[in-house]
Each structure stands twice: as structure tokens, then as C-alpha cells.
């Protein structure tokens, strides 16, 4: 399956359990790892880096 689509599904869910937020954290890490493997000469751009912070923001503000 497409990691980015799974991430988007979590982000647009009306509610997320703590376990779902933890799963989101893993999916984002996997996405970044896959990106670095597929595009070793490219840097992760800021908007991709910000994804790393989404789970913490959800915990803090949800």
C-alpha cells in the first residue's frame, strides 16, 4: 500500500486513539526512510520534515 495515503487517512480521521497516533508516527518514519532509499541524492523538504511533528501536535492539541 502507499504510505502517504495511509498517513493522509490518519490525518483526516475525525478522531485518533493513542495507538493510532503511534501508528501514524511509524508510518511517517517509514515514509521518510523509503524516500531516502528511493531518492538518495535528494533532501527531504521542509513540508515532509514537518510530518515528523504531526503525532506530537495531535497528542498536544487533540
N, C-alpha and C. Protein backbone atom coordinates (compact mmCIF):
# COMPACT_ATOMS: atom_id res chain seq x y z
N UNK A 1 0.83 -1.19 0.00
CA UNK A 1 0.00 0.00 0.00
C UNK A 1 0.88 1.26 0.00
N UNK A 2 0.29 2.36 -0.30
CA UNK A 2 1.01 3.63 -0.37
C UNK A 2 1.06 4.27 1.02
N UNK A 3 2.26 4.44 1.52
CA UNK A 3 2.43 5.00 2.87
C UNK A 3 1.81 6.39 2.99
N UNK A 4 1.98 7.21 1.98
CA UNK A 4 1.46 8.57 2.06
C UNK A 4 -0.07 8.57 2.15
N UNK A 5 -0.72 7.68 1.42
CA UNK A 5 -2.18 7.59 1.51
C UNK A 5 -2.63 7.13 2.88
N UNK A 6 -1.90 6.20 3.47
CA UNK A 6 -2.23 5.75 4.83
C UNK A 6 -2.06 6.89 5.82
N UNK A 7 -1.00 7.66 5.66
CA UNK A 7 -0.77 8.81 6.54
C UNK A 7 -1.92 9.80 6.41
N UNK A 8 -2.33 10.08 5.19
CA UNK A 8 -3.43 11.02 4.96
C UNK A 8 -4.73 10.50 5.58
N UNK A 9 -4.98 9.19 5.47
CA UNK A 9 -6.18 8.61 6.10
C UNK A 9 -6.20 8.90 7.60
N UNK A 10 -5.06 8.72 8.25
CA UNK A 10 -4.99 9.00 9.69
C UNK A 10 -5.21 10.49 9.96
N UNK A 11 -4.57 11.34 9.17
CA UNK A 11 -4.65 12.78 9.43
C UNK A 11 -6.06 13.33 9.23
N UNK A 12 -6.84 12.71 8.36
CA UNK A 12 -8.20 13.19 8.12
C UNK A 12 -9.26 12.43 8.91
N UNK A 13 -8.83 11.52 9.77
CA UNK A 13 -9.78 10.80 10.62
C UNK A 13 -10.39 11.77 11.62
N UNK A 14 -11.68 11.61 11.92
CA UNK A 14 -12.32 12.54 12.86
C UNK A 14 -11.75 12.43 14.28
N UNK A 15 -11.32 11.24 14.67
CA UNK A 15 -10.68 11.04 15.97
C UNK A 15 -9.56 10.02 15.80
N UNK A 16 -8.58 10.10 16.68
CA UNK A 16 -7.48 9.14 16.66
C UNK A 16 -7.19 8.68 18.09
N UNK A 17 -7.08 7.39 18.26
CA UNK A 17 -6.67 6.85 19.55
C UNK A 17 -5.17 7.07 19.72
N UNK A 18 -4.70 6.87 20.93
CA UNK A 18 -3.26 6.98 21.19
C UNK A 18 -2.49 5.97 20.35
N UNK A 19 -3.06 4.77 20.20
CA UNK A 19 -2.42 3.73 19.39
C UNK A 19 -2.36 4.14 17.92
N UNK A 20 -3.41 4.80 17.44
CA UNK A 20 -3.43 5.26 16.05
C UNK A 20 -2.37 6.34 15.83
N UNK A 21 -2.19 7.22 16.80
CA UNK A 21 -1.17 8.26 16.68
C UNK A 21 0.21 7.62 16.66
N UNK A 22 0.41 6.59 17.48
CA UNK A 22 1.68 5.87 17.47
C UNK A 22 1.92 5.19 16.12
N UNK A 23 0.86 4.64 15.54
CA UNK A 23 0.96 4.02 14.21
C UNK A 23 1.30 5.09 13.16
N UNK A 24 0.69 6.25 13.28
CA UNK A 24 0.99 7.37 12.38
C UNK A 24 2.47 7.73 12.45
N UNK A 25 3.01 7.75 13.65
CA UNK A 25 4.43 8.07 13.85
C UNK A 25 5.32 7.07 13.08
N UNK A 26 4.97 5.79 13.16
CA UNK A 26 5.73 4.74 12.47
C UNK A 26 5.59 4.89 10.96
N UNK A 27 4.38 5.15 10.49
CA UNK A 27 4.17 5.32 9.05
C UNK A 27 4.98 6.48 8.49
N UNK A 28 5.03 7.58 9.23
CA UNK A 28 5.80 8.74 8.78
C UNK A 28 7.29 8.40 8.73
N UNK A 29 7.78 7.71 9.75
CA UNK A 29 9.19 7.30 9.76
C UNK A 29 9.48 6.37 8.59
N UNK A 30 8.57 5.42 8.33
CA UNK A 30 8.75 4.50 7.20
C UNK A 30 8.74 5.25 5.87
N UNK A 31 7.86 6.24 5.76
CA UNK A 31 7.78 7.05 4.53
C UNK A 31 9.11 7.77 4.29
N UNK A 32 9.65 8.38 5.34
CA UNK A 32 10.91 9.11 5.19
C UNK A 32 12.06 8.17 4.85
N UNK A 33 12.07 7.00 5.47
CA UNK A 33 13.11 6.01 5.16
C UNK A 33 13.01 5.57 3.71
N UNK A 34 11.80 5.28 3.24
CA UNK A 34 11.60 4.86 1.85
C UNK A 34 12.02 5.97 0.89
N UNK A 35 11.67 7.21 1.22
CA UNK A 35 12.05 8.34 0.37
C UNK A 35 13.57 8.42 0.24
N UNK A 36 14.28 8.31 1.37
CA UNK A 36 15.74 8.39 1.34
C UNK A 36 16.35 7.24 0.56
N UNK A 37 15.72 6.06 0.62
CA UNK A 37 16.23 4.91 -0.14
C UNK A 37 15.98 5.07 -1.63
N UNK A 38 14.80 5.58 -1.98
CA UNK A 38 14.45 5.74 -3.39
C UNK A 38 15.15 6.93 -4.04
N UNK A 39 15.39 7.97 -3.27
CA UNK A 39 16.00 9.20 -3.79
C UNK A 39 17.20 9.59 -2.93
N UNK A 40 18.27 8.81 -2.98
CA UNK A 40 19.41 9.06 -2.09
C UNK A 40 20.10 10.41 -2.31
N UNK A 41 19.95 10.99 -3.48
CA UNK A 41 20.61 12.26 -3.77
C UNK A 41 19.72 13.47 -3.48
N UNK A 42 18.49 13.23 -3.02
CA UNK A 42 17.56 14.32 -2.73
C UNK A 42 17.38 14.50 -1.23
N UNK A 43 17.22 15.73 -0.84
CA UNK A 43 16.96 16.03 0.57
C UNK A 43 15.46 16.01 0.83
N UNK A 44 15.12 15.70 2.06
CA UNK A 44 13.72 15.81 2.47
C UNK A 44 13.41 17.29 2.62
N UNK A 45 12.33 17.73 1.98
CA UNK A 45 11.97 19.15 2.02
C UNK A 45 11.24 19.45 3.33
N UNK A 46 11.15 20.73 3.65
CA UNK A 46 10.57 21.16 4.93
C UNK A 46 9.19 20.58 5.18
N UNK A 47 8.31 20.64 4.18
CA UNK A 47 6.95 20.16 4.42
C UNK A 47 6.93 18.66 4.71
N UNK A 48 7.90 17.92 4.20
CA UNK A 48 8.00 16.50 4.55
C UNK A 48 8.53 16.35 5.97
N UNK A 49 9.49 17.18 6.34
CA UNK A 49 10.03 17.11 7.71
C UNK A 49 8.94 17.44 8.73
N UNK A 50 8.09 18.40 8.44
CA UNK A 50 7.04 18.79 9.38
C UNK A 50 6.14 17.61 9.74
N UNK A 51 6.02 16.65 8.84
CA UNK A 51 5.20 15.47 9.12
C UNK A 51 5.67 14.75 10.37
N UNK A 52 6.96 14.80 10.65
CA UNK A 52 7.51 14.13 11.83
C UNK A 52 6.86 14.68 13.10
N UNK A 53 6.45 15.94 13.08
CA UNK A 53 5.89 16.59 14.26
C UNK A 53 4.38 16.38 14.40
N UNK A 54 3.69 15.91 13.38
CA UNK A 54 2.23 15.75 13.45
C UNK A 54 1.77 14.92 14.64
N UNK A 55 2.37 13.75 14.90
CA UNK A 55 1.89 12.97 16.05
C UNK A 55 2.00 13.73 17.37
N UNK A 56 3.07 14.46 17.58
CA UNK A 56 3.21 15.25 18.81
C UNK A 56 2.16 16.35 18.88
N UNK A 57 1.91 17.02 17.76
CA UNK A 57 0.90 18.07 17.72
C UNK A 57 -0.48 17.50 18.01
N UNK A 58 -0.76 16.32 17.46
CA UNK A 58 -2.06 15.68 17.71
C UNK A 58 -2.19 15.35 19.19
N UNK A 59 -1.16 14.77 19.79
CA UNK A 59 -1.20 14.46 21.23
C UNK A 59 -1.42 15.73 22.05
N UNK A 60 -0.76 16.80 21.66
CA UNK A 60 -0.82 18.03 22.45
C UNK A 60 -2.15 18.77 22.30
N UNK A 61 -2.72 18.76 21.10
CA UNK A 61 -3.88 19.61 20.82
C UNK A 61 -5.19 18.86 20.61
N UNK A 62 -5.15 17.56 20.67
CA UNK A 62 -6.39 16.80 20.41
C UNK A 62 -7.05 16.39 21.70
